[in-house]
Amino acid sequence: QRILRLAEMCRRLETEEEKVLPFYPSSLAEREQQHALRVLEETPSEPLAWAMQDYVGLERFWQRFNKAKLEEKGLEQARAALANRNQHLRGLLQQYLAGAAINQKVPKDPHPL
């Protein structure tokens, strides 16, 4: 009940995109969606199905939670890629600076021998 209350309070803070667009477009075909709706509208006959009725309100919570986890994993991968690129660029910069330091040590006049 506490999570549901918090979800209702957070609803006010949603962006317009979150309010209008679903988090995940359905990958079900039209016929499959209709069948799923019919099953959901039926009165549950099993004890587990009755218990699941209490958690229907948490569906949006789990959608948001999963979306946040996916974004977190995506950001972790992007950060790792950027760290690798940064390391590569640092290596190139060190090579360039080492080459520039060697060029300054070489005399400008050709060696007489």
N, C-alpha and C. Protein backbone atom coordinates (compact mmCIF):
# COMPACT_ATOMS: atom_id res chain seq x y z
N GLN A 1 0.83 -1.19 0.00
CA GLN A 1 0.00 0.00 0.00
C GLN A 1 0.87 1.25 0.00
N ARG A 2 2.00 1.18 0.70
CA ARG A 2 2.90 2.33 0.75
C ARG A 2 3.46 2.64 -0.64
N ILE A 3 3.84 1.59 -1.38
CA ILE A 3 4.38 1.79 -2.73
C ILE A 3 3.32 2.38 -3.64
N LEU A 4 2.09 1.91 -3.51
CA LEU A 4 1.01 2.46 -4.34
C LEU A 4 0.78 3.93 -4.02
N ARG A 5 0.82 4.28 -2.73
CA ARG A 5 0.65 5.68 -2.34
C ARG A 5 1.78 6.55 -2.92
N LEU A 6 3.00 6.05 -2.83
CA LEU A 6 4.13 6.79 -3.38
C LEU A 6 4.03 6.92 -4.90
N ALA A 7 3.56 5.87 -5.55
CA ALA A 7 3.38 5.92 -7.00
C ALA A 7 2.36 6.98 -7.39
N GLU A 8 1.29 7.08 -6.62
CA GLU A 8 0.28 8.11 -6.89
C GLU A 8 0.86 9.50 -6.70
N MET A 9 1.69 9.66 -5.67
CA MET A 9 2.32 10.96 -5.43
C MET A 9 3.30 11.31 -6.55
N CYS A 10 4.02 10.32 -7.05
CA CYS A 10 5.00 10.55 -8.11
C CYS A 10 4.34 10.80 -9.45
N ARG A 11 3.11 10.40 -9.60
CA ARG A 11 2.40 10.60 -10.87
C ARG A 11 2.39 12.07 -11.26
N ARG A 12 2.32 12.95 -10.26
CA ARG A 12 2.31 14.39 -10.55
C ARG A 12 3.64 14.85 -11.15
N LEU A 13 4.72 14.14 -10.85
CA LEU A 13 6.04 14.54 -11.30
C LEU A 13 6.44 13.94 -12.65
N GLU A 14 5.57 13.14 -13.21
CA GLU A 14 5.87 12.52 -14.50
C GLU A 14 5.94 13.57 -15.60
N THR A 15 6.79 13.31 -16.58
CA THR A 15 6.84 14.19 -17.74
C THR A 15 5.65 13.88 -18.64
N GLU A 16 5.39 14.76 -19.57
CA GLU A 16 4.27 14.54 -20.50
C GLU A 16 4.47 13.26 -21.29
N GLU A 17 5.71 12.98 -21.68
CA GLU A 17 6.00 11.77 -22.45
C GLU A 17 5.66 10.53 -21.63
N GLU A 18 5.99 10.53 -20.35
CA GLU A 18 5.69 9.39 -19.51
C GLU A 18 4.19 9.23 -19.30
N LYS A 19 3.47 10.33 -19.25
CA LYS A 19 2.03 10.24 -19.05
C LYS A 19 1.30 9.74 -20.29
N VAL A 20 1.80 10.12 -21.46
CA VAL A 20 1.08 9.83 -22.69
C VAL A 20 1.53 8.51 -23.32
N LEU A 21 2.83 8.31 -23.41
CA LEU A 21 3.35 7.13 -24.10
C LEU A 21 3.57 5.98 -23.14
N PRO A 22 3.26 4.78 -23.57
CA PRO A 22 3.56 3.62 -22.71
C PRO A 22 5.06 3.39 -22.66
N PHE A 23 5.52 2.77 -21.61
CA PHE A 23 6.95 2.50 -21.48
C PHE A 23 7.41 1.47 -22.49
N TYR A 24 6.62 0.44 -22.68
CA TYR A 24 7.00 -0.62 -23.59
C TYR A 24 5.86 -0.87 -24.56
N PRO A 25 6.11 -0.68 -25.84
CA PRO A 25 5.07 -1.05 -26.79
C PRO A 25 4.91 -2.57 -26.78
N SER A 26 3.70 -3.00 -26.95
CA SER A 26 3.44 -4.43 -26.87
C SER A 26 4.04 -5.13 -28.09
N SER A 27 4.64 -6.28 -27.85
CA SER A 27 5.19 -7.08 -28.95
C SER A 27 4.21 -8.17 -29.37
N LEU A 28 3.03 -8.16 -28.76
CA LEU A 28 2.02 -9.16 -29.09
C LEU A 28 1.27 -8.75 -30.36
N ALA A 29 0.84 -9.76 -31.10
CA ALA A 29 -0.01 -9.51 -32.26
C ALA A 29 -1.39 -9.08 -31.76
N GLU A 30 -2.19 -8.53 -32.65
CA GLU A 30 -3.53 -8.03 -32.28
C GLU A 30 -4.37 -9.14 -31.66
N ARG A 31 -4.33 -10.33 -32.26
CA ARG A 31 -5.11 -11.45 -31.75
C ARG A 31 -4.65 -11.86 -30.35
N GLU A 32 -3.33 -11.86 -30.15
CA GLU A 32 -2.78 -12.22 -28.85
C GLU A 32 -3.16 -11.19 -27.79
N GLN A 33 -3.17 -9.92 -28.16
CA GLN A 33 -3.57 -8.86 -27.22
C GLN A 33 -5.03 -9.02 -26.81
N GLN A 34 -5.89 -9.33 -27.77
CA GLN A 34 -7.30 -9.53 -27.45
C GLN A 34 -7.48 -10.72 -26.52
N HIS A 35 -6.76 -11.79 -26.76
CA HIS A 35 -6.84 -12.97 -25.90
C HIS A 35 -6.36 -12.63 -24.49
N ALA A 36 -5.28 -11.88 -24.39
CA ALA A 36 -4.74 -11.50 -23.07
C ALA A 36 -5.75 -10.63 -22.33
N LEU A 37 -6.42 -9.72 -23.03
CA LEU A 37 -7.43 -8.88 -22.38
C LEU A 37 -8.60 -9.72 -21.87
N ARG A 38 -9.03 -10.70 -22.67
CA ARG A 38 -10.11 -11.57 -22.23
C ARG A 38 -9.74 -12.35 -20.98
N VAL A 39 -8.51 -12.85 -20.96
CA VAL A 39 -8.05 -13.61 -19.79
C VAL A 39 -8.01 -12.72 -18.56
N LEU A 40 -7.57 -11.48 -18.73
CA LEU A 40 -7.50 -10.55 -17.60
C LEU A 40 -8.88 -10.17 -17.07
N GLU A 41 -9.87 -10.14 -17.97
CA GLU A 41 -11.22 -9.76 -17.55
C GLU A 41 -11.97 -10.90 -16.85
N GLU A 42 -11.52 -12.12 -17.06
CA GLU A 42 -12.19 -13.26 -16.43
C GLU A 42 -11.96 -13.24 -14.91
N THR A 43 -12.93 -13.76 -14.19
CA THR A 43 -12.79 -13.87 -12.74
C THR A 43 -11.81 -15.00 -12.44
N PRO A 44 -10.79 -14.72 -11.64
CA PRO A 44 -9.81 -15.77 -11.36
C PRO A 44 -10.42 -16.92 -10.56
N SER A 45 -9.96 -18.14 -10.85
CA SER A 45 -10.49 -19.31 -10.16
C SER A 45 -9.46 -19.96 -9.25
N GLU A 46 -8.19 -19.67 -9.47
CA GLU A 46 -7.13 -20.27 -8.67
C GLU A 46 -6.68 -19.32 -7.57
N PRO A 47 -6.21 -19.85 -6.45
CA PRO A 47 -5.76 -18.98 -5.34
C PRO A 47 -4.63 -18.04 -5.73
N LEU A 48 -3.71 -18.53 -6.54
CA LEU A 48 -2.59 -17.67 -6.96
C LEU A 48 -3.11 -16.52 -7.82
N ALA A 49 -4.08 -16.81 -8.67
CA ALA A 49 -4.66 -15.76 -9.50
C ALA A 49 -5.36 -14.72 -8.65
N TRP A 50 -6.03 -15.15 -7.58
CA TRP A 50 -6.67 -14.21 -6.67
C TRP A 50 -5.62 -13.32 -5.99
N ALA A 51 -4.52 -13.95 -5.59
CA ALA A 51 -3.46 -13.19 -4.93
C ALA A 51 -2.83 -12.17 -5.89
N MET A 52 -2.73 -12.54 -7.16
CA MET A 52 -2.14 -11.63 -8.15
C MET A 52 -3.03 -10.41 -8.40
N GLN A 53 -4.31 -10.54 -8.15
CA GLN A 53 -5.22 -9.40 -8.32
C GLN A 53 -4.81 -8.24 -7.41
N ASP A 54 -4.24 -8.57 -6.24
CA ASP A 54 -3.82 -7.52 -5.31
C ASP A 54 -2.63 -6.73 -5.83
N TYR A 55 -1.88 -7.30 -6.77
CA TYR A 55 -0.66 -6.66 -7.24
C TYR A 55 -0.78 -6.04 -8.62
N VAL A 56 -1.96 -5.97 -9.16
CA VAL A 56 -2.16 -5.39 -10.48
C VAL A 56 -1.75 -3.92 -10.47
N GLY A 57 -1.97 -3.23 -9.38
CA GLY A 57 -1.61 -1.82 -9.28
C GLY A 57 -0.12 -1.58 -9.31
N LEU A 58 0.67 -2.61 -9.09
CA LEU A 58 2.12 -2.46 -9.11
C LEU A 58 2.73 -2.59 -10.50
N GLU A 59 1.90 -2.83 -11.51
CA GLU A 59 2.42 -3.05 -12.85
C GLU A 59 3.22 -1.85 -13.35
N ARG A 60 2.67 -0.64 -13.16
CA ARG A 60 3.40 0.56 -13.60
C ARG A 60 4.69 0.73 -12.81
N PHE A 61 4.66 0.38 -11.52
CA PHE A 61 5.88 0.46 -10.72
C PHE A 61 6.96 -0.43 -11.31
N TRP A 62 6.59 -1.68 -11.63
CA TRP A 62 7.58 -2.60 -12.18
C TRP A 62 8.05 -2.17 -13.56
N GLN A 63 7.16 -1.58 -14.35
CA GLN A 63 7.57 -1.06 -15.65
C GLN A 63 8.63 0.03 -15.46
N ARG A 64 8.36 0.94 -14.55
CA ARG A 64 9.32 2.02 -14.30
C ARG A 64 10.63 1.48 -13.72
N PHE A 65 10.51 0.54 -12.80
CA PHE A 65 11.69 -0.06 -12.19
C PHE A 65 12.56 -0.73 -13.25
N ASN A 66 11.92 -1.51 -14.12
CA ASN A 66 12.66 -2.19 -15.18
C ASN A 66 13.27 -1.21 -16.16
N LYS A 67 12.52 -0.16 -16.48
CA LYS A 67 13.03 0.87 -17.39
C LYS A 67 14.25 1.55 -16.78
N ALA A 68 14.18 1.86 -15.50
CA ALA A 68 15.32 2.49 -14.82
C ALA A 68 16.52 1.56 -14.80
N LYS A 69 16.29 0.27 -14.55
CA LYS A 69 17.39 -0.69 -14.55
C LYS A 69 18.03 -0.81 -15.93
N LEU A 70 17.21 -0.83 -16.97
CA LEU A 70 17.75 -0.89 -18.33
C LEU A 70 18.57 0.35 -18.65
N GLU A 71 18.07 1.52 -18.26
CA GLU A 71 18.82 2.75 -18.49
C GLU A 71 20.13 2.73 -17.71
N GLU A 72 20.09 2.23 -16.48
CA GLU A 72 21.30 2.15 -15.66
C GLU A 72 22.34 1.25 -16.35
N LYS A 73 21.92 0.10 -16.84
CA LYS A 73 22.85 -0.80 -17.52
C LYS A 73 23.39 -0.16 -18.80
N GLY A 74 22.55 0.53 -19.53
CA GLY A 74 23.00 1.23 -20.74
C GLY A 74 24.02 2.30 -20.42
N LEU A 75 23.78 3.05 -19.35
CA LEU A 75 24.73 4.08 -18.95
C LEU A 75 26.05 3.48 -18.47
N GLU A 76 25.98 2.34 -17.79
CA GLU A 76 27.21 1.67 -17.36
C GLU A 76 28.03 1.25 -18.57
N GLN A 77 27.38 0.72 -19.59
CA GLN A 77 28.09 0.30 -20.80
C GLN A 77 28.67 1.51 -21.52
N ALA A 78 27.91 2.59 -21.59
CA ALA A 78 28.41 3.81 -22.24
C ALA A 78 29.60 4.37 -21.47
N ARG A 79 29.53 4.33 -20.16
CA ARG A 79 30.64 4.82 -19.34
C ARG A 79 31.89 3.98 -19.55
N ALA A 80 31.73 2.67 -19.62
CA ALA A 80 32.87 1.78 -19.86
C ALA A 80 33.47 2.07 -21.23
N ALA A 81 32.64 2.27 -22.23
CA ALA A 81 33.14 2.57 -23.58
C ALA A 81 33.90 3.89 -23.58
N LEU A 82 33.35 4.90 -22.88
CA LEU A 82 34.03 6.19 -22.81
C LEU A 82 35.35 6.09 -22.04
N ALA A 83 35.38 5.27 -21.00
CA ALA A 83 36.62 5.08 -20.25
C ALA A 83 37.68 4.43 -21.13
N ASN A 84 37.28 3.44 -21.95
CA ASN A 84 38.22 2.81 -22.87
C ASN A 84 38.73 3.80 -23.90
N ARG A 85 37.84 4.60 -24.43
CA ARG A 85 38.24 5.60 -25.43
C ARG A 85 39.16 6.63 -24.79
N ASN A 86 38.85 7.04 -23.57
CA ASN A 86 39.69 8.00 -22.87
C ASN A 86 41.10 7.44 -22.66
N GLN A 87 41.17 6.19 -22.27
CA GLN A 87 42.47 5.54 -22.06
C GLN A 87 43.26 5.50 -23.38
N HIS A 88 42.57 5.17 -24.46
CA HIS A 88 43.22 5.12 -25.78
C HIS A 88 43.73 6.51 -26.16
N LEU A 89 42.91 7.53 -25.98
CA LEU A 89 43.33 8.90 -26.32
C LEU A 89 44.49 9.37 -25.45
N ARG A 90 44.50 8.98 -24.19
CA ARG A 90 45.63 9.33 -23.32
C ARG A 90 46.92 8.68 -23.82
N GLY A 91 46.82 7.43 -24.26
CA GLY A 91 47.99 6.76 -24.82
C GLY A 91 48.51 7.47 -26.06
N LEU A 92 47.59 7.86 -26.95
CA LEU A 92 47.99 8.59 -28.15
C LEU A 92 48.64 9.93 -27.80
N LEU A 93 48.08 10.61 -26.81
CA LEU A 93 48.64 11.89 -26.39
C LEU A 93 50.04 11.70 -25.82
N GLN A 94 50.24 10.66 -25.04
CA GLN A 94 51.57 10.39 -24.49
C GLN A 94 52.56 10.09 -25.60
N GLN A 95 52.15 9.34 -26.61
CA GLN A 95 53.02 9.06 -27.75
C GLN A 95 53.38 10.34 -28.49
N TYR A 96 52.40 11.19 -28.68
CA TYR A 96 52.63 12.46 -29.38
C TYR A 96 53.60 13.33 -28.59
N LEU A 97 53.39 13.45 -27.28
CA LEU A 97 54.26 14.28 -26.46
C LEU A 97 55.68 13.71 -26.39
N ALA A 98 55.80 12.38 -26.36
CA ALA A 98 57.13 11.76 -26.37
C ALA A 98 57.83 12.04 -27.70
N GLY A 99 57.10 11.98 -28.79
CA GLY A 99 57.67 12.30 -30.10
C GLY A 99 58.07 13.75 -30.21
N ALA A 100 57.27 14.65 -29.66
CA ALA A 100 57.60 16.07 -29.68
C ALA A 100 58.83 16.35 -28.84
N ALA A 101 58.99 15.68 -27.71
CA ALA A 101 60.16 15.87 -26.86
C ALA A 101 61.42 15.38 -27.56
N ILE A 102 61.33 14.28 -28.31
CA ILE A 102 62.49 13.76 -29.03
C ILE A 102 62.88 14.71 -30.15
N ASN A 103 61.90 15.26 -30.86
CA ASN A 103 62.19 16.18 -31.96
C ASN A 103 62.89 17.44 -31.46
N GLN A 104 62.64 17.89 -30.27
CA GLN A 104 63.29 19.08 -29.74
C GLN A 104 64.75 18.79 -29.38
N LYS A 105 65.06 17.55 -29.04
CA LYS A 105 66.42 17.19 -28.68
C LYS A 105 67.31 17.00 -29.90
N VAL A 106 66.74 16.67 -31.04
CA VAL A 106 67.52 16.46 -32.26
C VAL A 106 68.01 17.79 -32.77
N PRO A 107 69.31 17.92 -33.04
CA PRO A 107 69.82 19.21 -33.54
C PRO A 107 69.26 19.50 -34.92
N LYS A 108 69.11 20.77 -35.21
CA LYS A 108 68.54 21.19 -36.48
C LYS A 108 69.55 21.06 -37.61
N ASP A 109 70.84 21.21 -37.28
CA ASP A 109 71.88 21.08 -38.32
C ASP A 109 72.18 19.60 -38.53
N PRO A 110 72.41 19.19 -39.78
CA PRO A 110 72.74 17.78 -40.00
C PRO A 110 74.10 17.44 -39.36
N HIS A 111 74.24 16.24 -38.98
CA HIS A 111 75.48 15.76 -38.34
C HIS A 111 76.61 15.82 -39.38
N PRO A 112 77.76 16.34 -38.97
CA PRO A 112 78.83 16.50 -39.95
C PRO A 112 79.39 15.19 -40.48
N LEU A 113 79.22 14.09 -39.78
CA LEU A 113 79.77 12.83 -40.27
C LEU A 113 78.79 12.26 -41.24
